[in-house]
Amino acid sequence: MSLVDELSALADKTLAEIASATSSSELEAVRVAVVGKSGTLTAYLRSMGNVPKEERAEVGKSVNATRVRVEQALEEAKSRLAAAELASSIEDAAVDVTLPGRAQQIGSRHLINGMIDELCEIFLGLGYSVVEGPEVETDYYNFEALNAPADHPSRSMQDTFYVHDRSGEKSTHIQSESDVLLRTQTSGVQIHAMEDRELPIYVIAPGKVYRRDVADPSHLPQFHQIEGLVVDKGITFGDLKGTLEYACRAIFGPERKTRFRAHYFPFTEPSAEVDVSCGICHGEGCRMCKGTGWLEILGCGMVDPNVLEMSGIDPEVYSGFAFGCGVERIACLKYDVPDLRMLLEGDMRFLRQF
């Protein structure tokens, strides 16, 4: 086959590839393969010096004619594909003005914060005040002023994270009053209230607390508490019982029942655990309440006279009661959430339900 025939075959093949290109990228690949620096037609142009003199004129004319045909076909195909791609992009980006608009989703309070607000509203309606305190607390306010001295065994149940330890003996909990730690309970706020506020005292203390617990369905190393304190003349356990029964019905519904079980806390005497009837089985026994018909919700008791004395209050004149509950636990019991960790995972499919 002569060079002229080769060029004719190359032109026919190239024009067919150009015609079949369906995108600008495919067309560019054909251009590079034929007229690019290393293209097949470019190779013919560079090898003209090796063509015999008697054939050079004819071959040169054929090479130039092939180049013109190919470049012209490339320009036409480029314009055609660019117009088609522009039309396609316009069609894809078209807006159907008859469709309804996408409204901005309205956010809401997180379930934990909403539960804190709800609990605070209940007690504000009873005449209580909301007080807050530091999350980084001293050993004195977190333990000792609550009738739990350095060697008290109850400390082992509320081991925490010490920020500064002068004694160097955290393992045995022998701490000095200046030791600083992440609070394990908001009870320290009650001590501050008794020291700083005038009597009588009716306060609740919401806040974040910390424990060295491993996260599981019923425990978290960081959670929220709401604790209440009343100090006044003539306060009895009957006042405590009536207050908590009202609060439980306000939280869980008027049909729910409560019961008080004797318990021990170092800062109250007598002390009790409060249960509410199971909202799933209505007290008959189910998996949620482990067959008992009751769900434990909080601890409470009459303020120990030693705690009143350490805060400068005469226990012969004044008496009081205190109570405390975990906000996450109350939220899970109210809305039948089986795992405390679900409140912290940030799954919007779960949180939007509340």
Protein backbone atom coordinates (compact mmCIF):
# COMPACT_ATOMS: atom_id res chain seq x y z
CA MET A 1 0.00 0.00 0.00
CA SER A 2 1.40 3.42 -1.00
CA LEU A 3 1.71 6.34 1.43
CA VAL A 4 -1.18 8.11 -0.30
CA ASP A 5 -3.42 5.09 0.24
CA GLU A 6 -2.34 4.92 3.91
CA LEU A 7 -3.22 8.58 4.38
CA SER A 8 -6.62 8.07 2.75
CA ALA A 9 -7.35 5.11 5.05
CA LEU A 10 -6.20 7.15 8.06
CA ALA A 11 -8.50 10.02 7.07
CA ASP A 12 -11.52 7.73 6.68
CA LYS A 13 -10.86 6.04 10.04
CA THR A 14 -10.33 9.36 11.84
CA LEU A 15 -13.48 10.96 10.39
CA ALA A 16 -15.52 7.91 11.49
CA GLU A 17 -14.15 8.17 15.05
CA ILE A 18 -14.92 11.90 15.11
CA ALA A 19 -18.47 11.27 13.96
CA SER A 20 -19.03 8.59 16.62
CA ALA A 21 -17.66 10.69 19.53
CA THR A 22 -20.43 11.34 22.06
CA SER A 23 -18.63 13.77 24.39
CA SER A 24 -15.96 16.44 24.34
CA SER A 25 -13.58 14.15 26.21
CA GLU A 26 -13.93 11.40 23.57
CA LEU A 27 -13.39 13.95 20.80
CA GLU A 28 -10.27 15.29 22.52
CA ALA A 29 -8.87 11.76 22.75
CA VAL A 30 -9.29 11.35 18.94
CA ARG A 31 -7.58 14.71 18.30
CA VAL A 32 -4.58 13.87 20.47
CA ALA A 33 -4.23 10.42 18.86
CA VAL A 34 -4.18 11.84 15.31
CA VAL A 35 -2.88 15.45 15.26
CA GLY A 36 -1.27 15.68 18.70
CA LYS A 37 2.51 15.86 19.20
CA SER A 38 2.74 12.07 19.03
CA GLY A 39 -0.27 11.58 16.73
CA THR A 40 -0.32 9.34 13.66
CA LEU A 41 -0.81 12.16 11.15
CA THR A 42 1.89 14.24 12.85
CA ALA A 43 4.26 11.29 12.39
CA TYR A 44 3.68 11.41 8.62
CA LEU A 45 4.50 15.14 8.57
CA ARG A 46 7.74 14.57 10.47
CA SER A 47 8.83 11.73 8.14
CA MET A 48 8.51 13.73 4.89
CA GLY A 49 12.30 13.89 4.68
CA ASN A 50 12.44 10.12 4.17
CA VAL A 51 9.99 10.15 1.24
CA PRO A 52 11.62 9.74 -2.22
CA LYS A 53 11.94 13.02 -4.14
CA GLU A 54 9.73 11.85 -6.99
CA GLU A 55 6.85 11.04 -4.50
CA ARG A 56 7.38 13.93 -2.07
CA ALA A 57 5.09 16.42 -3.81
CA GLU A 58 2.16 14.01 -4.10
CA VAL A 59 2.57 12.69 -0.54
CA GLY A 60 2.93 16.22 0.89
CA LYS A 61 -0.24 17.32 -0.89
CA SER A 62 -2.11 14.28 0.48
CA VAL A 63 -0.83 14.86 4.03
CA ASN A 64 -1.95 18.50 4.00
CA ALA A 65 -5.35 17.62 2.55
CA THR A 66 -5.84 14.95 5.23
CA ARG A 67 -4.86 17.39 7.97
CA VAL A 68 -7.32 20.01 6.73
CA ARG A 69 -10.18 17.46 6.55
CA VAL A 70 -9.45 16.15 10.03
CA GLU A 71 -9.11 19.60 11.64
CA GLN A 72 -12.30 20.82 9.96
CA ALA A 73 -14.21 17.73 11.15
CA LEU A 74 -12.82 18.24 14.65
CA GLU A 75 -14.02 21.87 14.78
CA GLU A 76 -17.49 20.94 13.55
CA ALA A 77 -17.80 18.06 16.04
CA LYS A 78 -16.50 20.27 18.85
CA SER A 79 -19.20 22.88 18.21
CA ARG A 80 -21.89 20.21 17.93
CA LEU A 81 -20.92 18.42 21.17
CA ALA A 82 -20.48 21.68 23.11
CA ALA A 83 -24.00 22.77 22.13
CA ALA A 84 -25.44 19.38 23.09
CA GLU A 85 -23.67 19.37 26.47
CA LEU A 86 -24.82 22.92 27.21
CA ALA A 87 -28.41 21.98 26.44
CA SER A 88 -28.12 18.90 28.66
CA SER A 89 -26.70 20.89 31.58
CA ILE A 90 -29.46 23.49 31.24
CA GLU A 91 -32.06 20.76 31.28
CA ASP A 92 -30.52 19.09 34.33
CA ALA A 93 -30.37 22.39 36.21
CA ALA A 94 -33.89 23.40 35.34
CA VAL A 95 -36.15 24.33 38.26
CA ASP A 96 -39.74 23.22 38.30
CA VAL A 97 -41.45 26.29 39.74
CA THR A 98 -44.63 24.28 40.32
CA LEU A 99 -42.95 22.12 43.00
CA PRO A 100 -43.37 23.13 46.65
CA GLY A 101 -40.39 24.84 48.23
CA ARG A 102 -38.07 23.17 50.72
CA ALA A 103 -38.79 24.73 54.09
CA GLN A 104 -35.96 25.24 56.56
CA GLN A 105 -36.16 22.58 59.23
CA ILE A 106 -36.95 24.06 62.63
CA GLY A 107 -34.70 22.87 65.43
CA SER A 108 -35.71 22.11 68.99
CA ARG A 109 -34.24 21.68 72.44
CA HIS A 110 -32.30 18.48 73.02
CA LEU A 111 -34.23 15.94 75.07
CA ILE A 112 -31.86 16.34 78.04
CA ASN A 113 -32.14 20.14 78.07
CA GLY A 114 -35.89 19.91 77.56
CA MET A 115 -36.16 17.52 80.51
CA ILE A 116 -34.15 19.91 82.72
CA ASP A 117 -36.44 22.78 81.72
CA GLU A 118 -39.53 20.68 82.46
CA LEU A 119 -38.28 19.65 85.91
CA CYS A 120 -37.29 23.22 86.77
CA GLU A 121 -40.73 24.52 85.73
CA ILE A 122 -42.42 22.04 88.07
CA PHE A 123 -40.47 23.22 91.10
CA LEU A 124 -40.56 26.88 90.13
CA GLY A 125 -44.32 26.47 90.28
CA LEU A 126 -43.93 25.29 93.88
CA GLY A 127 -41.97 28.42 94.82
CA TYR A 128 -38.44 27.02 94.54
CA SER A 129 -35.48 28.94 93.13
CA VAL A 130 -32.95 27.55 90.65
CA VAL A 131 -29.32 27.77 91.77
CA GLU A 132 -26.11 26.69 90.08
CA GLY A 133 -22.59 25.92 91.20
CA PRO A 134 -19.14 25.07 89.84
CA GLU A 135 -18.56 21.76 88.05
CA VAL A 136 -14.98 21.77 89.36
CA GLU A 137 -15.49 21.58 93.11
CA THR A 138 -13.43 21.14 96.25
CA ASP A 139 -13.35 17.92 98.22
CA TYR A 140 -14.95 19.72 101.14
CA TYR A 141 -18.13 20.72 99.30
CA ASN A 142 -18.38 17.48 97.33
CA PHE A 143 -17.84 15.09 100.26
CA GLU A 144 -16.94 16.36 103.73
CA ALA A 145 -19.66 18.98 104.14
CA LEU A 146 -22.13 16.27 103.12
CA ASN A 147 -21.22 14.10 106.10
CA ALA A 148 -18.70 11.98 104.15
CA PRO A 149 -15.26 12.51 105.74
CA ALA A 150 -12.04 11.32 104.13
CA ASP A 151 -12.32 7.74 105.41
CA HIS A 152 -16.06 7.32 104.75
CA PRO A 153 -16.84 4.15 102.71
CA SER A 154 -19.54 5.90 100.64
CA ARG A 155 -16.80 7.70 98.71
CA SER A 156 -15.85 4.49 96.92
CA MET A 157 -19.25 4.52 95.17
CA GLN A 158 -18.62 8.03 93.82
CA ASP A 159 -14.99 7.94 92.79
CA THR A 160 -14.26 10.87 90.50
CA PHE A 161 -11.58 12.71 88.55
CA TYR A 162 -9.21 14.72 90.72
CA VAL A 163 -7.83 17.86 89.16
CA HIS A 164 -5.31 18.58 91.91
CA ASP A 165 -4.25 16.34 94.76
CA ARG A 166 -1.96 17.65 97.49
CA SER A 167 -1.94 14.49 99.58
CA GLY A 168 -1.03 12.11 96.74
CA GLU A 169 -3.29 9.35 98.17
CA LYS A 170 -6.29 9.33 95.85
CA SER A 171 -6.64 5.56 96.01
CA THR A 172 -7.63 5.65 99.69
CA HIS A 173 -9.64 8.89 99.29
CA ILE A 174 -7.66 10.63 102.03
CA GLN A 175 -7.93 14.15 100.64
CA SER A 176 -7.47 17.61 102.08
CA GLU A 177 -10.07 20.40 101.92
CA SER A 178 -8.14 22.14 99.16
CA ASP A 179 -8.21 19.19 96.78
CA VAL A 180 -10.05 19.96 93.54
CA LEU A 181 -12.14 17.48 91.60
CA LEU A 182 -14.93 17.15 89.06
CA ARG A 183 -18.06 17.02 91.17
CA THR A 184 -19.88 13.69 91.48
CA GLN A 185 -23.19 15.29 92.49
CA THR A 186 -24.82 18.70 92.61
CA SER A 187 -25.26 18.33 96.39
CA GLY A 188 -22.32 20.69 96.83
CA VAL A 189 -24.52 23.47 95.45
CA GLN A 190 -26.88 22.84 98.38
CA ILE A 191 -24.01 23.47 100.81
CA HIS A 192 -23.19 26.73 99.04
CA ALA A 193 -26.87 27.68 99.25
CA MET A 194 -27.03 26.99 103.00
CA GLU A 195 -23.88 29.06 103.55
CA ASP A 196 -24.80 31.98 101.29
CA ARG A 197 -28.61 32.31 101.32
CA GLU A 198 -30.92 33.51 104.04
CA LEU A 199 -33.35 31.07 105.63
CA PRO A 200 -35.79 29.62 104.73
CA ILE A 201 -34.30 27.86 101.68
CA TYR A 202 -36.26 26.28 98.82
CA VAL A 203 -33.90 25.59 95.92
CA ILE A 204 -33.20 23.11 93.14
CA ALA A 205 -29.74 22.66 91.61
CA PRO A 206 -29.50 21.32 88.04
CA GLY A 207 -26.09 20.60 86.57
CA LYS A 208 -23.57 18.26 85.03
CA VAL A 209 -21.76 15.67 87.17
CA TYR A 210 -18.98 13.14 86.62
CA ARG A 211 -18.34 9.56 87.75
CA ARG A 212 -15.73 6.95 86.89
CA ASP A 213 -18.40 4.72 85.37
CA VAL A 214 -18.16 2.75 82.15
CA ALA A 215 -20.91 3.76 79.72
CA ASP A 216 -23.61 1.10 79.47
CA PRO A 217 -27.41 1.11 79.05
CA SER A 218 -27.92 2.40 82.62
CA HIS A 219 -24.68 4.31 83.42
CA LEU A 220 -22.76 7.25 81.97
CA PRO A 221 -19.43 8.77 83.08
CA GLN A 222 -20.93 12.23 82.53
CA PHE A 223 -24.60 12.99 83.12
CA HIS A 224 -26.98 15.60 84.55
CA GLN A 225 -28.59 15.79 87.97
CA ILE A 226 -31.26 17.90 89.57
CA GLU A 227 -31.11 18.06 93.34
CA GLY A 228 -33.52 19.85 95.63
CA LEU A 229 -33.13 21.29 99.13
CA VAL A 230 -35.60 22.68 101.62
CA VAL A 231 -34.59 24.13 104.98
CA ASP A 232 -37.27 25.74 107.10
CA LYS A 233 -38.92 25.51 110.50
CA GLY A 234 -41.17 22.52 111.05
CA ILE A 235 -40.24 20.59 107.89
CA THR A 236 -41.19 16.89 108.16
CA PHE A 237 -40.90 13.73 106.10
CA GLY A 238 -44.55 14.25 105.20
CA ASP A 239 -43.60 17.47 103.41
CA LEU A 240 -40.93 15.56 101.47
CA LYS A 241 -43.35 12.77 100.55
CA GLY A 242 -46.06 15.16 99.38
CA THR A 243 -43.62 17.23 97.32
CA LEU A 244 -42.16 14.24 95.51
CA GLU A 245 -45.52 12.59 94.88
CA TYR A 246 -46.71 15.81 93.25
CA ALA A 247 -43.52 16.10 91.16
CA CYS A 248 -43.70 12.46 90.02
CA ARG A 249 -47.28 12.83 88.85
CA ALA A 250 -46.42 16.10 87.10
CA ILE A 251 -43.58 14.35 85.23
CA PHE A 252 -45.06 10.95 84.45
CA GLY A 253 -48.81 11.57 84.57
CA PRO A 254 -51.57 11.70 87.22
CA GLU A 255 -52.27 7.96 86.99
CA ARG A 256 -48.76 6.95 88.14
CA LYS A 257 -48.21 5.77 91.71
CA THR A 258 -45.17 6.24 93.94
CA ARG A 259 -43.62 4.29 96.78
CA PHE A 260 -40.82 5.04 99.24
CA ARG A 261 -38.26 2.41 100.28
CA ALA A 262 -35.89 2.83 103.21
CA HIS A 263 -32.32 3.44 102.05
CA TYR A 264 -29.03 4.97 103.22
CA PHE A 265 -27.35 8.22 102.21
CA PRO A 266 -24.61 9.83 104.34
CA PHE A 267 -26.16 13.32 104.19
CA THR A 268 -29.79 12.45 105.00
CA GLU A 269 -31.45 10.61 107.90
CA PRO A 270 -33.90 8.99 107.48
CA SER A 271 -33.35 8.30 103.77
CA ALA A 272 -35.41 6.65 101.07
CA GLU A 273 -35.42 5.58 97.44
CA VAL A 274 -38.48 6.64 95.46
CA ASP A 275 -40.07 4.37 92.84
CA VAL A 276 -42.78 5.16 90.32
CA SER A 277 -45.18 2.59 88.91
CA CYS A 278 -44.17 1.21 85.51
CA GLY A 279 -45.91 3.03 82.67
CA ILE A 280 -45.67 0.06 80.31
CA CYS A 281 -47.25 -2.71 82.39
CA HIS A 282 -49.07 -0.38 84.83
CA GLY A 283 -47.59 -2.19 87.82
CA GLU A 284 -48.26 -5.75 86.68
CA GLY A 285 -44.62 -6.58 85.91
CA CYS A 286 -42.74 -6.55 82.59
CA ARG A 287 -39.25 -6.59 81.13
CA MET A 288 -38.83 -2.83 81.59
CA CYS A 289 -39.42 -3.00 85.36
CA LYS A 290 -37.85 -6.48 85.69
CA GLY A 291 -41.16 -7.95 86.79
CA THR A 292 -41.54 -5.73 89.87
CA GLY A 293 -44.05 -3.23 88.51
CA TRP A 294 -41.89 -0.35 89.83
CA LEU A 295 -39.09 1.85 88.45
CA GLU A 296 -36.52 3.53 90.70
CA ILE A 297 -36.26 7.25 89.94
CA LEU A 298 -34.53 9.15 92.76
CA GLY A 299 -33.12 9.23 96.29
CA CYS A 300 -34.21 11.51 99.11
CA GLY A 301 -34.31 12.03 102.85
CA MET A 302 -34.33 14.46 105.74
CA VAL A 303 -31.16 16.56 105.93
CA ASP A 304 -28.80 15.10 108.52
CA PRO A 305 -28.34 17.45 111.52
CA ASN A 306 -24.54 17.21 111.05
CA VAL A 307 -24.89 18.70 107.55
CA LEU A 308 -26.98 21.58 108.92
CA GLU A 309 -24.45 22.26 111.68
CA MET A 310 -21.48 22.27 109.27
CA SER A 311 -23.28 24.96 107.25
CA GLY A 312 -23.98 27.08 110.34
CA ILE A 313 -27.68 26.20 110.74
CA ASP A 314 -29.11 25.22 114.13
CA PRO A 315 -30.76 21.76 113.72
CA GLU A 316 -32.75 22.39 116.90
CA VAL A 317 -34.59 25.23 115.16
CA TYR A 318 -34.55 24.25 111.50
CA SER A 319 -35.07 21.00 109.64
CA GLY A 320 -35.16 20.16 105.96
CA PHE A 321 -35.22 17.58 103.24
CA ALA A 322 -33.18 16.92 100.11
CA PHE A 323 -33.64 14.84 96.99
CA GLY A 324 -31.76 14.17 93.77
CA CYS A 325 -32.42 12.50 90.41
CA GLY A 326 -30.56 11.80 87.19
CA VAL A 327 -32.06 13.78 84.32
CA GLU A 328 -31.12 11.20 81.66
CA ARG A 329 -32.72 8.43 83.70
CA ILE A 330 -35.94 10.41 84.15
CA ALA A 331 -36.05 11.14 80.40
CA CYS A 332 -35.52 7.47 79.51
CA LEU A 333 -38.18 6.30 81.95
CA LYS A 334 -40.69 8.89 80.75
CA TYR A 335 -40.22 8.14 77.05
CA ASP A 336 -39.40 4.40 77.34
CA VAL A 337 -35.85 4.77 75.97
CA PRO A 338 -33.96 1.52 76.69
CA ASP A 339 -30.38 2.88 76.65
CA LEU A 340 -29.00 6.09 78.18
CA ARG A 341 -26.30 6.24 75.48
CA MET A 342 -28.93 6.88 72.82
CA LEU A 343 -29.38 10.39 74.25
CA LEU A 344 -25.76 11.27 73.44
CA GLU A 345 -25.21 9.66 70.02
CA GLY A 346 -26.63 12.59 68.05
CA ASP A 347 -28.80 10.41 65.81
CA MET A 348 -31.35 12.88 64.43
CA ARG A 349 -33.78 10.08 63.55
CA PHE A 350 -34.00 9.39 67.30
CA LEU A 351 -33.86 12.97 68.59
CA ARG A 352 -36.54 14.32 66.22
CA GLN A 353 -39.10 12.15 68.03
CA PHE A 354 -38.91 14.50 71.00
